[in-house]
N, C-alpha and C. Protein backbone atom coordinates (compact mmCIF):
# COMPACT_ATOMS: atom_id res chain seq x y z
N MET A 1 19.42 -1.16 29.17
CA MET A 1 19.09 -0.98 27.78
C MET A 1 17.70 -1.54 27.47
N ALA A 2 17.39 -2.72 28.01
CA ALA A 2 16.08 -3.34 27.77
C ALA A 2 14.97 -2.50 28.39
N LEU A 3 15.23 -1.93 29.56
CA LEU A 3 14.23 -1.10 30.22
C LEU A 3 13.95 0.15 29.40
N ARG A 4 14.98 0.75 28.81
CA ARG A 4 14.81 1.95 27.98
C ARG A 4 13.95 1.63 26.75
N LYS A 5 14.21 0.48 26.14
CA LYS A 5 13.43 0.07 24.97
C LYS A 5 11.97 -0.19 25.36
N PHE A 6 11.75 -0.81 26.50
CA PHE A 6 10.40 -1.07 26.99
C PHE A 6 9.65 0.23 27.26
N VAL A 7 10.30 1.19 27.89
CA VAL A 7 9.67 2.47 28.19
C VAL A 7 9.37 3.23 26.91
N SER A 8 10.28 3.19 25.93
CA SER A 8 10.02 3.90 24.67
C SER A 8 8.83 3.29 23.93
N LYS A 9 8.66 1.96 24.02
CA LYS A 9 7.49 1.31 23.39
C LYS A 9 6.20 1.75 24.07
N LEU A 10 6.23 1.91 25.39
CA LEU A 10 5.04 2.33 26.12
C LEU A 10 4.64 3.77 25.82
N THR A 11 5.63 4.61 25.55
CA THR A 11 5.34 6.02 25.33
C THR A 11 5.20 6.38 23.85
N GLN A 12 5.51 5.44 22.97
CA GLN A 12 5.41 5.69 21.52
C GLN A 12 3.94 5.73 21.11
N PRO A 13 3.54 6.69 20.27
CA PRO A 13 2.15 6.76 19.81
C PRO A 13 1.74 5.48 19.07
N VAL A 14 0.47 5.14 19.15
CA VAL A 14 -0.06 3.91 18.57
C VAL A 14 0.13 3.88 17.06
N HIS A 15 -0.09 5.00 16.36
CA HIS A 15 0.05 5.00 14.90
C HIS A 15 1.50 4.71 14.48
N GLU A 16 2.47 5.14 15.28
CA GLU A 16 3.87 4.84 14.96
C GLU A 16 4.16 3.35 15.17
N GLN A 17 3.57 2.76 16.21
CA GLN A 17 3.73 1.33 16.44
C GLN A 17 3.10 0.54 15.29
N ASP A 18 1.93 0.99 14.83
CA ASP A 18 1.27 0.32 13.70
C ASP A 18 2.12 0.41 12.44
N GLN A 19 2.71 1.57 12.18
CA GLN A 19 3.57 1.74 11.01
C GLN A 19 4.78 0.81 11.07
N GLU A 20 5.37 0.67 12.25
CA GLU A 20 6.52 -0.21 12.40
C GLU A 20 6.13 -1.67 12.15
N ARG A 21 4.99 -2.10 12.70
CA ARG A 21 4.54 -3.48 12.48
C ARG A 21 4.24 -3.74 11.01
N LEU A 22 3.60 -2.76 10.36
CA LEU A 22 3.28 -2.91 8.94
C LEU A 22 4.55 -2.97 8.10
N ALA A 23 5.52 -2.13 8.40
CA ALA A 23 6.79 -2.14 7.67
C ALA A 23 7.51 -3.47 7.86
N GLN A 24 7.46 -4.04 9.06
CA GLN A 24 8.08 -5.34 9.30
C GLN A 24 7.39 -6.43 8.50
N TRP A 25 6.05 -6.41 8.47
CA TRP A 25 5.30 -7.41 7.70
C TRP A 25 5.64 -7.31 6.22
N CYS A 26 5.67 -6.09 5.69
CA CYS A 26 5.98 -5.90 4.27
C CYS A 26 7.39 -6.38 3.95
N GLU A 27 8.31 -6.15 4.86
CA GLU A 27 9.68 -6.60 4.66
C GLU A 27 9.74 -8.14 4.62
N LEU A 28 8.96 -8.79 5.48
CA LEU A 28 8.91 -10.26 5.48
C LEU A 28 8.33 -10.82 4.19
N GLN A 29 7.45 -10.07 3.54
CA GLN A 29 6.85 -10.52 2.29
C GLN A 29 7.81 -10.41 1.11
N GLY A 30 8.89 -9.67 1.29
CA GLY A 30 9.91 -9.56 0.25
C GLY A 30 9.78 -8.38 -0.68
N GLY A 31 8.78 -7.52 -0.45
CA GLY A 31 8.61 -6.35 -1.30
C GLY A 31 9.53 -5.21 -0.88
N PRO A 32 9.93 -4.37 -1.83
CA PRO A 32 10.76 -3.22 -1.48
C PRO A 32 9.93 -2.13 -0.78
N PRO A 33 10.57 -1.24 -0.03
CA PRO A 33 9.83 -0.12 0.57
C PRO A 33 9.22 0.75 -0.54
N LEU A 34 8.00 1.22 -0.34
CA LEU A 34 7.29 1.96 -1.38
C LEU A 34 7.91 3.32 -1.68
N ASP A 35 8.71 3.84 -0.78
CA ASP A 35 9.35 5.12 -1.08
C ASP A 35 10.62 4.94 -1.92
N ALA A 36 10.99 3.68 -2.25
CA ALA A 36 12.22 3.43 -3.02
C ALA A 36 11.98 2.51 -4.21
N ILE A 37 10.75 2.44 -4.71
CA ILE A 37 10.48 1.53 -5.83
C ILE A 37 10.85 2.20 -7.15
N PRO A 38 11.37 1.40 -8.08
CA PRO A 38 11.72 1.97 -9.39
C PRO A 38 10.47 2.18 -10.24
N MET A 39 10.47 3.22 -11.04
CA MET A 39 9.34 3.51 -11.92
C MET A 39 9.49 2.73 -13.22
N ARG A 40 8.34 2.36 -13.79
CA ARG A 40 8.25 1.73 -15.11
C ARG A 40 9.02 0.42 -15.25
N HIS A 41 9.05 -0.35 -14.17
CA HIS A 41 9.63 -1.69 -14.18
C HIS A 41 8.64 -2.62 -13.49
N PRO A 42 8.48 -3.84 -13.96
CA PRO A 42 7.61 -4.79 -13.27
C PRO A 42 8.10 -4.99 -11.83
N ILE A 43 7.17 -4.93 -10.89
CA ILE A 43 7.55 -4.97 -9.48
C ILE A 43 6.49 -5.69 -8.67
N PHE A 44 6.90 -6.20 -7.54
CA PHE A 44 6.01 -6.82 -6.56
C PHE A 44 6.05 -5.95 -5.31
N ILE A 45 4.89 -5.57 -4.79
CA ILE A 45 4.84 -4.77 -3.57
C ILE A 45 3.83 -5.39 -2.60
N ALA A 46 4.00 -5.09 -1.33
CA ALA A 46 3.09 -5.56 -0.29
C ALA A 46 2.73 -4.37 0.58
N GLY A 47 1.51 -4.36 1.10
CA GLY A 47 1.09 -3.26 1.96
C GLY A 47 -0.32 -3.45 2.47
N GLU A 48 -0.83 -2.39 3.08
CA GLU A 48 -2.17 -2.40 3.67
C GLU A 48 -3.01 -1.32 3.00
N ILE A 49 -4.24 -1.65 2.68
CA ILE A 49 -5.14 -0.69 2.03
C ILE A 49 -5.59 0.32 3.08
N ARG A 50 -5.40 1.59 2.78
CA ARG A 50 -5.81 2.67 3.69
C ARG A 50 -7.12 3.31 3.27
N SER A 51 -7.38 3.37 1.96
CA SER A 51 -8.64 3.96 1.49
C SER A 51 -9.02 3.36 0.15
N VAL A 52 -10.33 3.33 -0.10
CA VAL A 52 -10.87 2.84 -1.37
C VAL A 52 -11.90 3.86 -1.83
N ARG A 53 -11.84 4.22 -3.11
CA ARG A 53 -12.82 5.16 -3.64
C ARG A 53 -13.07 4.87 -5.12
N ILE A 54 -14.21 5.33 -5.60
CA ILE A 54 -14.57 5.18 -7.01
C ILE A 54 -14.41 6.54 -7.67
N VAL A 55 -13.64 6.57 -8.77
CA VAL A 55 -13.34 7.82 -9.46
C VAL A 55 -13.64 7.64 -10.95
N PRO A 56 -14.38 8.58 -11.55
CA PRO A 56 -14.60 8.47 -12.99
C PRO A 56 -13.32 8.82 -13.75
N ARG A 57 -12.94 7.96 -14.69
CA ARG A 57 -11.76 8.18 -15.53
C ARG A 57 -12.15 7.92 -16.97
N ALA A 58 -12.03 8.91 -17.82
CA ALA A 58 -12.30 8.78 -19.26
C ALA A 58 -13.68 8.18 -19.52
N GLY A 59 -14.68 8.64 -18.79
CA GLY A 59 -16.05 8.21 -19.01
C GLY A 59 -16.43 6.89 -18.37
N ALA A 60 -15.52 6.21 -17.71
CA ALA A 60 -15.82 4.95 -17.04
C ALA A 60 -15.33 5.03 -15.59
N ASP A 61 -15.99 4.26 -14.74
CA ASP A 61 -15.58 4.26 -13.34
C ASP A 61 -14.28 3.50 -13.15
N ALA A 62 -13.54 3.90 -12.15
CA ALA A 62 -12.31 3.20 -11.78
C ALA A 62 -12.26 3.12 -10.25
N LEU A 63 -11.87 1.98 -9.75
CA LEU A 63 -11.73 1.79 -8.32
C LEU A 63 -10.29 2.10 -7.96
N GLU A 64 -10.09 3.00 -7.00
CA GLU A 64 -8.75 3.38 -6.55
C GLU A 64 -8.57 2.94 -5.11
N ALA A 65 -7.50 2.20 -4.85
CA ALA A 65 -7.17 1.75 -3.50
C ALA A 65 -5.78 2.26 -3.15
N THR A 66 -5.68 3.04 -2.09
CA THR A 66 -4.38 3.55 -1.65
C THR A 66 -3.75 2.51 -0.73
N VAL A 67 -2.56 2.06 -1.11
CA VAL A 67 -1.84 1.02 -0.38
C VAL A 67 -0.61 1.64 0.26
N MET A 68 -0.44 1.39 1.57
CA MET A 68 0.71 1.93 2.31
C MET A 68 1.49 0.78 2.93
N ASP A 69 2.80 1.02 3.14
CA ASP A 69 3.63 0.00 3.76
C ASP A 69 4.41 0.51 4.97
N GLY A 70 4.08 1.67 5.48
CA GLY A 70 4.81 2.24 6.60
C GLY A 70 5.92 3.18 6.15
N HIS A 71 6.30 3.11 4.86
CA HIS A 71 7.34 3.98 4.32
C HIS A 71 6.78 4.96 3.29
N GLY A 72 5.82 4.51 2.51
CA GLY A 72 5.27 5.32 1.44
C GLY A 72 3.91 4.79 1.03
N ALA A 73 3.39 5.32 -0.10
CA ALA A 73 2.07 4.92 -0.57
C ALA A 73 2.05 4.83 -2.09
N VAL A 74 1.20 3.93 -2.59
CA VAL A 74 0.94 3.76 -4.01
C VAL A 74 -0.56 3.61 -4.17
N THR A 75 -1.12 4.19 -5.23
CA THR A 75 -2.54 4.04 -5.51
C THR A 75 -2.72 3.00 -6.60
N ALA A 76 -3.43 1.92 -6.25
CA ALA A 76 -3.75 0.87 -7.22
C ALA A 76 -5.04 1.28 -7.92
N VAL A 77 -5.03 1.35 -9.25
CA VAL A 77 -6.20 1.78 -10.02
C VAL A 77 -6.70 0.58 -10.83
N PHE A 78 -7.95 0.20 -10.57
CA PHE A 78 -8.59 -0.89 -11.30
C PHE A 78 -9.60 -0.27 -12.25
N LEU A 79 -9.24 -0.16 -13.52
CA LEU A 79 -10.07 0.51 -14.52
C LEU A 79 -11.31 -0.33 -14.83
N GLY A 80 -12.47 0.35 -14.94
CA GLY A 80 -13.72 -0.31 -15.29
C GLY A 80 -14.35 -1.09 -14.16
N ARG A 81 -13.89 -0.90 -12.93
CA ARG A 81 -14.42 -1.65 -11.80
C ARG A 81 -15.06 -0.69 -10.81
N ARG A 82 -16.20 -1.09 -10.25
CA ARG A 82 -16.84 -0.30 -9.20
C ARG A 82 -16.56 -0.90 -7.83
N ARG A 83 -16.30 -2.20 -7.78
CA ARG A 83 -15.94 -2.83 -6.51
C ARG A 83 -15.24 -4.15 -6.79
N ILE A 84 -14.47 -4.56 -5.81
CA ILE A 84 -13.79 -5.85 -5.83
C ILE A 84 -14.04 -6.47 -4.46
N ALA A 85 -14.61 -7.65 -4.45
CA ALA A 85 -14.94 -8.31 -3.18
C ALA A 85 -13.67 -8.51 -2.35
N GLY A 86 -13.72 -8.10 -1.10
CA GLY A 86 -12.59 -8.27 -0.19
C GLY A 86 -11.62 -7.12 -0.17
N LEU A 87 -11.71 -6.22 -1.13
CA LEU A 87 -10.80 -5.07 -1.19
C LEU A 87 -11.40 -3.96 -0.34
N SER A 88 -10.90 -3.85 0.89
CA SER A 88 -11.46 -2.87 1.82
C SER A 88 -10.34 -2.32 2.71
N PRO A 89 -10.55 -1.14 3.30
CA PRO A 89 -9.52 -0.55 4.15
C PRO A 89 -9.15 -1.48 5.31
N GLY A 90 -7.86 -1.53 5.59
CA GLY A 90 -7.35 -2.38 6.66
C GLY A 90 -6.89 -3.75 6.18
N ARG A 91 -7.21 -4.10 4.95
CA ARG A 91 -6.85 -5.40 4.39
C ARG A 91 -5.43 -5.35 3.84
N ARG A 92 -4.65 -6.37 4.09
CA ARG A 92 -3.29 -6.44 3.54
C ARG A 92 -3.33 -7.13 2.20
N VAL A 93 -2.52 -6.61 1.27
CA VAL A 93 -2.50 -7.12 -0.10
C VAL A 93 -1.08 -7.21 -0.63
N LYS A 94 -0.94 -8.02 -1.67
CA LYS A 94 0.28 -8.05 -2.47
C LYS A 94 -0.14 -7.65 -3.87
N LEU A 95 0.63 -6.78 -4.51
CA LEU A 95 0.33 -6.30 -5.85
C LEU A 95 1.52 -6.55 -6.77
N GLU A 96 1.21 -6.87 -8.03
CA GLU A 96 2.24 -7.02 -9.04
C GLU A 96 1.84 -6.19 -10.24
N GLY A 97 2.78 -5.41 -10.76
CA GLY A 97 2.50 -4.58 -11.92
C GLY A 97 3.63 -3.60 -12.15
N VAL A 98 3.31 -2.56 -12.92
CA VAL A 98 4.28 -1.52 -13.27
C VAL A 98 3.83 -0.22 -12.61
N VAL A 99 4.71 0.39 -11.84
CA VAL A 99 4.40 1.63 -11.14
C VAL A 99 4.78 2.81 -12.01
N THR A 100 3.85 3.78 -12.10
CA THR A 100 4.11 5.03 -12.82
C THR A 100 3.94 6.19 -11.86
N GLN A 101 4.41 7.35 -12.26
CA GLN A 101 4.31 8.52 -11.40
C GLN A 101 3.68 9.66 -12.17
N ASP A 102 2.73 10.34 -11.54
CA ASP A 102 2.08 11.51 -12.10
C ASP A 102 2.18 12.61 -11.05
N GLY A 103 3.16 13.48 -11.19
CA GLY A 103 3.43 14.48 -10.16
C GLY A 103 4.00 13.76 -8.95
N PRO A 104 3.50 14.09 -7.76
CA PRO A 104 4.02 13.41 -6.57
C PRO A 104 3.37 12.04 -6.32
N GLU A 105 2.28 11.75 -7.02
CA GLU A 105 1.53 10.50 -6.81
C GLU A 105 2.10 9.35 -7.62
N ARG A 106 2.08 8.15 -7.03
CA ARG A 106 2.50 6.93 -7.72
C ARG A 106 1.28 6.06 -7.94
N TYR A 107 1.17 5.50 -9.14
CA TYR A 107 0.02 4.68 -9.51
C TYR A 107 0.49 3.34 -10.07
N ILE A 108 -0.33 2.32 -9.85
CA ILE A 108 -0.13 1.02 -10.46
C ILE A 108 -1.48 0.64 -11.07
N TYR A 109 -1.54 0.56 -12.40
CA TYR A 109 -2.80 0.34 -13.10
C TYR A 109 -3.07 -1.15 -13.31
N ASN A 110 -4.29 -1.57 -12.98
CA ASN A 110 -4.76 -2.94 -13.14
C ASN A 110 -3.73 -3.97 -12.65
N PRO A 111 -3.31 -3.86 -11.39
CA PRO A 111 -2.31 -4.81 -10.90
C PRO A 111 -2.92 -6.20 -10.65
N VAL A 112 -2.07 -7.18 -10.68
CA VAL A 112 -2.45 -8.52 -10.21
C VAL A 112 -2.40 -8.42 -8.69
N TYR A 113 -3.45 -8.84 -8.02
CA TYR A 113 -3.52 -8.66 -6.58
C TYR A 113 -3.78 -9.98 -5.86
N THR A 114 -3.27 -10.08 -4.64
CA THR A 114 -3.52 -11.21 -3.77
C THR A 114 -3.95 -10.64 -2.42
N LEU A 115 -5.14 -11.01 -1.99
CA LEU A 115 -5.64 -10.55 -0.69
C LEU A 115 -5.06 -11.44 0.40
N MET A 116 -4.57 -10.84 1.45
CA MET A 116 -3.97 -11.61 2.55
C MET A 116 -4.94 -11.75 3.70
């Protein structure tokens, strides 16, 4: 049994191994999986930033950071910000706020964040 598990780890693609490690880390932080979070309730989530971009919203810039946890994704939107020091792809974060949904996308506006 141990040999089978060892061989499957060797043949498993790297991105799948990364997703498993990220999901384990997020679980240790105590946050729920992002594919099962309730909408419109205060929540704490943990994950890794996959992308950061600046998007104009209502005449002002907004910084959008896509956060993933190995199960799903949420876009953190920081209104009126062009950059946040330390907020970059590959960085792990904890976010607190209220998650909303617009179509298939989930957003958390102006969350309280902790860089890990």
